[in-house]
């Protein structure tokens, strides 16, 4: 996955801290939308800096697409899948409707908990790896 980032500071000769604007599905066309309150937040990350980019420069960074898709799947698909699994398991076991809904909510909460756990584990291991490939 390729993105545009800004070099925040240099860590050492081979690494820099970059700021990558957070992407969202809405497109941030706030005049049309009535606003959701989300500002243009940025994600800061460590990146390999083989080209010697300096602070303040806009750069093109590349990250592992396979790893990114795995994270997206975990964060979005797992809670929904566990929601459906909880509901359908209770349904096929003949549980009352209230129990079916409760099982669905518990499944969804378990999916969110799994996503939070994975996010913390990923941050502890260094997060996503970015490489600065060229100046923008």
N, C-alpha and C. Protein backbone atom coordinates (compact mmCIF):
# COMPACT_ATOMS: atom_id res chain seq x y z
N UNK A 1 0.84 -1.17 0.00
CA UNK A 1 0.00 0.00 0.00
C UNK A 1 0.89 1.23 0.00
N UNK A 2 0.62 2.17 -0.85
CA UNK A 2 1.41 3.39 -0.98
C UNK A 2 0.59 4.58 -0.47
N UNK A 3 1.23 5.44 0.34
CA UNK A 3 0.57 6.61 0.89
C UNK A 3 1.53 7.79 0.90
N UNK A 4 0.96 8.98 1.07
CA UNK A 4 1.74 10.19 1.20
C UNK A 4 1.89 10.49 2.70
N UNK A 5 3.09 10.85 3.11
CA UNK A 5 3.35 11.14 4.52
C UNK A 5 4.26 12.36 4.63
N UNK A 6 4.38 12.86 5.84
CA UNK A 6 5.29 13.96 6.14
C UNK A 6 6.32 13.46 7.13
N UNK A 7 7.58 13.76 6.87
CA UNK A 7 8.64 13.38 7.81
C UNK A 7 8.58 14.34 8.99
N UNK A 8 8.38 13.78 10.19
CA UNK A 8 8.30 14.59 11.41
C UNK A 8 9.69 14.87 11.98
N UNK A 9 10.46 13.79 12.16
CA UNK A 9 11.81 13.95 12.71
C UNK A 9 12.66 12.74 12.32
N UNK A 10 13.96 12.90 12.44
CA UNK A 10 14.90 11.83 12.13
C UNK A 10 15.26 11.12 13.43
N UNK A 11 15.20 9.78 13.41
CA UNK A 11 15.58 9.00 14.59
C UNK A 11 17.06 8.69 14.55
N UNK A 12 17.51 8.14 13.42
CA UNK A 12 18.92 7.86 13.19
C UNK A 12 19.16 7.93 11.69
N UNK A 13 20.31 7.50 11.23
CA UNK A 13 20.66 7.62 9.82
C UNK A 13 19.72 6.83 8.91
N UNK A 14 19.09 5.78 9.43
CA UNK A 14 18.27 4.90 8.59
C UNK A 14 16.77 4.94 8.89
N UNK A 15 16.34 5.72 9.91
CA UNK A 15 14.93 5.72 10.30
C UNK A 15 14.43 7.12 10.59
N UNK A 16 13.13 7.31 10.36
CA UNK A 16 12.49 8.59 10.64
C UNK A 16 11.10 8.35 11.21
N UNK A 17 10.57 9.34 11.89
CA UNK A 17 9.18 9.31 12.34
C UNK A 17 8.38 10.06 11.28
N UNK A 18 7.33 9.41 10.79
CA UNK A 18 6.49 10.01 9.76
C UNK A 18 5.08 10.21 10.29
N UNK A 19 4.36 11.11 9.66
CA UNK A 19 2.97 11.38 9.98
C UNK A 19 2.15 11.06 8.73
N UNK A 20 1.27 10.06 8.85
CA UNK A 20 0.45 9.62 7.72
C UNK A 20 -0.99 10.05 7.99
N UNK A 21 -1.60 10.86 7.12
CA UNK A 21 -2.99 11.26 7.34
C UNK A 21 -3.90 10.03 7.35
N UNK A 22 -4.80 9.99 8.33
CA UNK A 22 -5.73 8.86 8.46
C UNK A 22 -6.77 8.95 7.36
N UNK A 23 -7.00 7.84 6.70
CA UNK A 23 -8.01 7.76 5.64
C UNK A 23 -9.32 7.30 6.24
N UNK A 24 -10.41 7.74 5.64
CA UNK A 24 -11.72 7.26 6.07
C UNK A 24 -12.59 7.04 4.84
N UNK A 25 -13.67 6.35 5.04
CA UNK A 25 -14.57 6.03 3.94
C UNK A 25 -15.43 7.21 3.53
N UNK A 26 -15.54 8.22 4.38
CA UNK A 26 -16.47 9.31 4.09
C UNK A 26 -15.93 10.29 3.06
N UNK A 27 -14.64 10.40 2.89
CA UNK A 27 -14.05 11.32 1.94
C UNK A 27 -13.93 12.74 2.47
N UNK A 28 -14.45 13.00 3.67
CA UNK A 28 -14.37 14.30 4.33
C UNK A 28 -14.89 15.43 3.47
N UNK A 29 -16.02 15.20 2.81
CA UNK A 29 -16.71 16.26 2.08
C UNK A 29 -17.73 16.85 3.04
N UNK A 30 -17.23 17.58 4.03
CA UNK A 30 -18.04 18.00 5.17
C UNK A 30 -19.18 18.95 4.79
N UNK A 31 -19.03 19.71 3.72
CA UNK A 31 -20.09 20.63 3.32
C UNK A 31 -21.35 19.85 2.91
N UNK A 32 -21.16 18.68 2.33
CA UNK A 32 -22.28 17.87 1.87
C UNK A 32 -22.86 17.00 2.97
N UNK A 33 -22.11 16.74 4.01
CA UNK A 33 -22.43 15.68 4.96
C UNK A 33 -23.10 16.16 6.24
N UNK A 34 -22.90 17.35 6.65
CA UNK A 34 -23.34 17.89 7.92
C UNK A 34 -22.38 17.53 9.04
N UNK A 35 -21.28 16.92 8.69
CA UNK A 35 -20.18 16.73 9.63
C UNK A 35 -20.36 15.62 10.64
N UNK A 36 -19.30 14.89 10.82
CA UNK A 36 -19.30 13.79 11.80
C UNK A 36 -18.41 14.14 12.98
N UNK A 37 -17.72 15.25 12.92
CA UNK A 37 -16.85 15.62 14.01
C UNK A 37 -15.44 15.08 13.89
N UNK A 38 -15.16 14.31 12.86
CA UNK A 38 -13.83 13.74 12.69
C UNK A 38 -12.94 14.75 12.00
N UNK A 39 -11.82 15.04 12.60
CA UNK A 39 -10.86 15.94 11.98
C UNK A 39 -9.81 15.12 11.26
N UNK A 40 -8.96 15.78 10.54
CA UNK A 40 -7.92 15.09 9.78
C UNK A 40 -6.81 14.57 10.67
N UNK A 41 -7.12 13.58 11.48
CA UNK A 41 -6.14 13.00 12.39
C UNK A 41 -5.04 12.30 11.60
N UNK A 42 -3.88 12.21 12.21
CA UNK A 42 -2.74 11.57 11.55
C UNK A 42 -2.19 10.47 12.44
N UNK A 43 -1.63 9.47 11.79
CA UNK A 43 -0.99 8.36 12.49
C UNK A 43 0.51 8.58 12.40
N UNK A 44 1.19 8.53 13.54
CA UNK A 44 2.65 8.66 13.54
C UNK A 44 3.25 7.27 13.61
N UNK A 45 4.28 7.05 12.82
CA UNK A 45 4.91 5.73 12.77
C UNK A 45 6.38 5.88 12.45
N UNK A 46 7.12 4.83 12.77
CA UNK A 46 8.54 4.76 12.43
C UNK A 46 8.65 4.19 11.02
N UNK A 47 9.54 4.76 10.23
CA UNK A 47 9.71 4.29 8.85
C UNK A 47 11.19 4.18 8.51
N UNK A 48 11.50 3.19 7.70
CA UNK A 48 12.86 3.08 7.16
C UNK A 48 13.06 4.26 6.21
N UNK A 49 14.24 4.86 6.27
CA UNK A 49 14.51 6.07 5.48
C UNK A 49 15.75 5.87 4.61
N UNK A 50 15.67 5.01 3.60
CA UNK A 50 16.86 4.77 2.77
C UNK A 50 17.23 5.92 1.85
N UNK A 51 16.30 6.88 1.64
CA UNK A 51 16.60 7.98 0.72
C UNK A 51 17.13 9.22 1.43
N UNK A 52 17.16 9.19 2.75
CA UNK A 52 17.68 10.33 3.51
C UNK A 52 16.75 11.53 3.54
N UNK A 53 15.44 11.30 3.60
CA UNK A 53 14.48 12.40 3.66
C UNK A 53 14.69 13.20 4.94
N UNK A 54 14.40 14.50 4.89
CA UNK A 54 14.62 15.41 6.02
C UNK A 54 13.27 15.82 6.62
N UNK A 55 13.26 16.29 7.86
CA UNK A 55 12.02 16.73 8.50
C UNK A 55 11.30 17.81 7.69
N UNK A 56 9.97 17.67 7.62
CA UNK A 56 9.14 18.62 6.88
C UNK A 56 8.88 18.23 5.44
N UNK A 57 9.64 17.29 4.90
CA UNK A 57 9.45 16.89 3.51
C UNK A 57 8.26 15.94 3.37
N UNK A 58 7.53 16.09 2.26
CA UNK A 58 6.46 15.16 1.92
C UNK A 58 7.11 14.00 1.17
N UNK A 59 6.75 12.78 1.57
CA UNK A 59 7.35 11.60 0.98
C UNK A 59 6.27 10.57 0.63
N UNK A 60 6.62 9.65 -0.23
CA UNK A 60 5.77 8.52 -0.55
C UNK A 60 6.28 7.34 0.27
N UNK A 61 5.39 6.75 1.06
CA UNK A 61 5.76 5.61 1.88
C UNK A 61 5.00 4.38 1.42
N UNK A 62 5.61 3.24 1.65
CA UNK A 62 5.01 1.98 1.26
C UNK A 62 4.95 1.06 2.47
N UNK A 63 3.83 0.36 2.61
CA UNK A 63 3.69 -0.60 3.70
C UNK A 63 3.26 -1.94 3.11
N UNK A 64 3.34 -2.96 3.93
CA UNK A 64 2.99 -4.31 3.51
C UNK A 64 1.48 -4.41 3.31
N UNK A 65 1.03 -4.56 2.08
CA UNK A 65 -0.40 -4.63 1.77
C UNK A 65 -1.06 -5.84 2.40
N UNK A 66 -0.38 -6.97 2.41
CA UNK A 66 -0.96 -8.19 2.98
C UNK A 66 -1.23 -8.00 4.47
N UNK A 67 -0.29 -7.41 5.17
CA UNK A 67 -0.47 -7.17 6.60
C UNK A 67 -1.60 -6.17 6.84
N UNK A 68 -1.67 -5.13 6.01
CA UNK A 68 -2.73 -4.13 6.14
C UNK A 68 -4.10 -4.74 5.91
N UNK A 69 -4.24 -5.60 4.92
CA UNK A 69 -5.52 -6.25 4.66
C UNK A 69 -5.91 -7.19 5.81
N UNK A 70 -4.94 -7.82 6.43
CA UNK A 70 -5.20 -8.66 7.58
C UNK A 70 -5.74 -7.84 8.75
N UNK A 71 -5.19 -6.68 8.96
CA UNK A 71 -5.65 -5.79 10.03
C UNK A 71 -7.06 -5.31 9.74
N UNK A 72 -7.32 -4.91 8.50
CA UNK A 72 -8.65 -4.45 8.12
C UNK A 72 -9.67 -5.56 8.32
N UNK A 73 -9.32 -6.78 7.92
CA UNK A 73 -10.22 -7.91 8.10
C UNK A 73 -10.51 -8.14 9.57
N UNK A 74 -9.49 -8.11 10.39
CA UNK A 74 -9.68 -8.33 11.82
C UNK A 74 -10.58 -7.27 12.42
N UNK A 75 -10.32 -6.02 12.11
CA UNK A 75 -11.05 -4.93 12.74
C UNK A 75 -12.50 -4.85 12.28
N UNK A 76 -12.76 -5.10 11.00
CA UNK A 76 -14.12 -4.95 10.49
C UNK A 76 -14.90 -6.27 10.41
N UNK A 77 -14.29 -7.31 9.92
CA UNK A 77 -15.02 -8.55 9.66
C UNK A 77 -15.20 -9.42 10.89
N UNK A 78 -14.21 -9.47 11.76
CA UNK A 78 -14.30 -10.37 12.92
C UNK A 78 -15.47 -10.03 13.84
N UNK A 79 -15.68 -8.77 14.23
CA UNK A 79 -16.85 -8.49 15.08
C UNK A 79 -18.18 -8.85 14.41
N UNK A 80 -18.29 -8.59 13.12
CA UNK A 80 -19.53 -8.91 12.41
C UNK A 80 -19.72 -10.42 12.33
N UNK A 81 -18.65 -11.14 12.03
CA UNK A 81 -18.75 -12.60 11.94
C UNK A 81 -19.11 -13.22 13.29
N UNK A 82 -18.51 -12.73 14.37
CA UNK A 82 -18.83 -13.26 15.70
C UNK A 82 -20.24 -12.85 16.13
N UNK A 83 -20.72 -11.69 15.71
CA UNK A 83 -22.09 -11.28 15.96
C UNK A 83 -23.05 -12.29 15.33
N UNK A 84 -22.83 -12.57 14.05
CA UNK A 84 -23.70 -13.52 13.34
C UNK A 84 -23.57 -14.93 13.91
N UNK A 85 -22.37 -15.34 14.24
CA UNK A 85 -22.15 -16.66 14.81
C UNK A 85 -22.88 -16.82 16.14
N UNK A 86 -22.80 -15.81 17.00
CA UNK A 86 -23.51 -15.86 18.28
C UNK A 86 -25.01 -15.94 18.09
N UNK A 87 -25.52 -15.13 17.19
CA UNK A 87 -26.97 -15.12 16.94
C UNK A 87 -27.42 -16.46 16.37
N UNK A 88 -26.73 -16.93 15.34
CA UNK A 88 -27.15 -18.17 14.68
C UNK A 88 -26.98 -19.39 15.58
N UNK A 89 -25.95 -19.40 16.41
CA UNK A 89 -25.76 -20.52 17.33
C UNK A 89 -26.93 -20.60 18.31
N UNK A 90 -27.32 -19.44 18.86
CA UNK A 90 -28.45 -19.43 19.79
C UNK A 90 -29.76 -19.77 19.07
N UNK A 91 -29.90 -19.30 17.85
CA UNK A 91 -31.11 -19.58 17.06
C UNK A 91 -31.27 -21.08 16.81
N UNK A 92 -30.19 -21.72 16.36
CA UNK A 92 -30.26 -23.15 16.05
C UNK A 92 -30.33 -24.04 17.29
N UNK A 93 -29.95 -23.50 18.43
CA UNK A 93 -30.11 -24.24 19.68
C UNK A 93 -31.52 -24.06 20.26
N UNK A 94 -32.34 -23.25 19.59
CA UNK A 94 -33.73 -23.07 20.01
C UNK A 94 -33.89 -22.12 21.18
N UNK A 95 -32.94 -21.24 21.39
CA UNK A 95 -33.01 -20.29 22.51
C UNK A 95 -34.06 -19.22 22.23
N UNK A 96 -34.61 -18.63 23.27
CA UNK A 96 -35.55 -17.51 23.09
C UNK A 96 -34.87 -16.33 22.38
N UNK A 97 -35.67 -15.45 21.83
CA UNK A 97 -35.16 -14.32 21.05
C UNK A 97 -34.23 -13.43 21.90
N UNK A 98 -34.56 -13.20 23.14
CA UNK A 98 -33.71 -12.38 24.00
C UNK A 98 -32.32 -12.99 24.16
N UNK A 99 -32.26 -14.31 24.25
CA UNK A 99 -30.97 -15.00 24.37
C UNK A 99 -30.22 -14.91 23.04
N UNK A 100 -30.94 -14.99 21.92
CA UNK A 100 -30.29 -14.87 20.61
C UNK A 100 -29.63 -13.50 20.47
N UNK A 101 -30.36 -12.45 20.86
CA UNK A 101 -29.80 -11.10 20.79
C UNK A 101 -28.62 -10.93 21.74
N UNK A 102 -28.74 -11.49 22.92
CA UNK A 102 -27.65 -11.41 23.89
C UNK A 102 -26.41 -12.12 23.38
N UNK A 103 -26.59 -13.29 22.79
CA UNK A 103 -25.46 -14.04 22.23
C UNK A 103 -24.81 -13.25 21.09
N UNK A 104 -25.63 -12.56 20.29
CA UNK A 104 -25.09 -11.76 19.19
C UNK A 104 -24.25 -10.60 19.73
N UNK A 105 -24.75 -9.93 20.76
CA UNK A 105 -24.02 -8.80 21.35
C UNK A 105 -22.73 -9.28 22.00
N UNK A 106 -22.78 -10.42 22.68
CA UNK A 106 -21.57 -10.98 23.28
C UNK A 106 -20.54 -11.33 22.21
N UNK A 107 -21.01 -11.92 21.09
CA UNK A 107 -20.10 -12.23 19.97
C UNK A 107 -19.46 -10.98 19.40
N UNK A 108 -20.26 -9.92 19.24
CA UNK A 108 -19.73 -8.66 18.72
C UNK A 108 -18.69 -8.07 19.67
N UNK A 109 -19.01 -8.09 20.97
CA UNK A 109 -18.07 -7.58 21.98
C UNK A 109 -16.78 -8.38 21.97
N UNK A 110 -16.87 -9.69 21.79
CA UNK A 110 -15.67 -10.53 21.71
C UNK A 110 -14.83 -10.16 20.49
N UNK A 111 -15.49 -9.83 19.39
CA UNK A 111 -14.76 -9.40 18.19
C UNK A 111 -14.05 -8.08 18.39
N UNK A 112 -14.70 -7.15 19.06
CA UNK A 112 -14.07 -5.86 19.36
C UNK A 112 -12.89 -6.07 20.32
N UNK A 113 -13.07 -6.93 21.32
CA UNK A 113 -11.99 -7.22 22.27
C UNK A 113 -10.79 -7.84 21.54
N UNK A 114 -11.06 -8.73 20.59
CA UNK A 114 -9.97 -9.34 19.81
C UNK A 114 -9.23 -8.28 18.99
N UNK A 115 -9.96 -7.34 18.42
CA UNK A 115 -9.34 -6.27 17.63
C UNK A 115 -8.47 -5.38 18.52
N UNK A 116 -8.97 -5.05 19.71
CA UNK A 116 -8.19 -4.22 20.64
C UNK A 116 -6.93 -4.95 21.09
N UNK A 117 -7.08 -6.23 21.42
CA UNK A 117 -5.92 -7.04 21.83
C UNK A 117 -4.88 -7.08 20.72
N UNK A 118 -5.31 -7.31 19.48
CA UNK A 118 -4.38 -7.39 18.37
C UNK A 118 -3.70 -6.03 18.13
N UNK A 119 -4.45 -4.95 18.26
CA UNK A 119 -3.87 -3.62 18.07
C UNK A 119 -2.76 -3.36 19.09
N UNK A 120 -3.01 -3.72 20.33
CA UNK A 120 -1.98 -3.53 21.36
C UNK A 120 -0.77 -4.42 21.12
N UNK A 121 -1.01 -5.62 20.68
CA UNK A 121 0.09 -6.55 20.37
C UNK A 121 0.91 -6.03 19.20
N UNK A 122 0.22 -5.52 18.18
CA UNK A 122 0.90 -4.97 17.01
C UNK A 122 1.75 -3.76 17.39
N UNK A 123 1.22 -2.87 18.23
CA UNK A 123 1.98 -1.69 18.67
C UNK A 123 3.20 -2.11 19.47
N UNK A 124 3.07 -3.13 20.32
CA UNK A 124 4.19 -3.60 21.13
C UNK A 124 5.30 -4.18 20.27
N UNK A 125 4.94 -4.72 19.13
CA UNK A 125 5.94 -5.31 18.22
C UNK A 125 6.43 -4.32 17.16
N UNK A 126 6.04 -3.08 17.28
CA UNK A 126 6.55 -2.07 16.35
C UNK A 126 5.55 -1.59 15.34
N UNK A 127 4.34 -2.10 15.35
CA UNK A 127 3.30 -1.64 14.43
C UNK A 127 3.58 -2.03 12.99
N UNK A 128 2.92 -1.34 12.11
CA UNK A 128 3.14 -1.56 10.68
C UNK A 128 4.51 -1.03 10.30
N UNK A 129 5.13 -1.68 9.36
CA UNK A 129 6.43 -1.21 8.91
C UNK A 129 6.25 -0.40 7.63
N UNK A 130 6.78 0.80 7.64
CA UNK A 130 6.73 1.69 6.48
C UNK A 130 8.14 1.87 5.95
N UNK A 131 8.24 2.09 4.65
CA UNK A 131 9.50 2.40 4.00
C UNK A 131 9.30 3.63 3.14
N UNK A 132 10.15 4.62 3.32
CA UNK A 132 10.09 5.81 2.48
C UNK A 132 10.72 5.44 1.14
N UNK A 133 9.94 5.58 0.06
CA UNK A 133 10.45 5.15 -1.25
C UNK A 133 10.92 6.31 -2.11
N UNK A 134 10.33 7.52 -1.93
CA UNK A 134 10.77 8.67 -2.71
C UNK A 134 10.14 9.94 -2.17
N UNK A 135 10.65 11.08 -2.59
CA UNK A 135 10.05 12.36 -2.22
C UNK A 135 8.78 12.53 -3.04
N UNK A 136 7.83 13.26 -2.48
CA UNK A 136 6.55 13.48 -3.17
C UNK A 136 6.68 14.64 -4.13
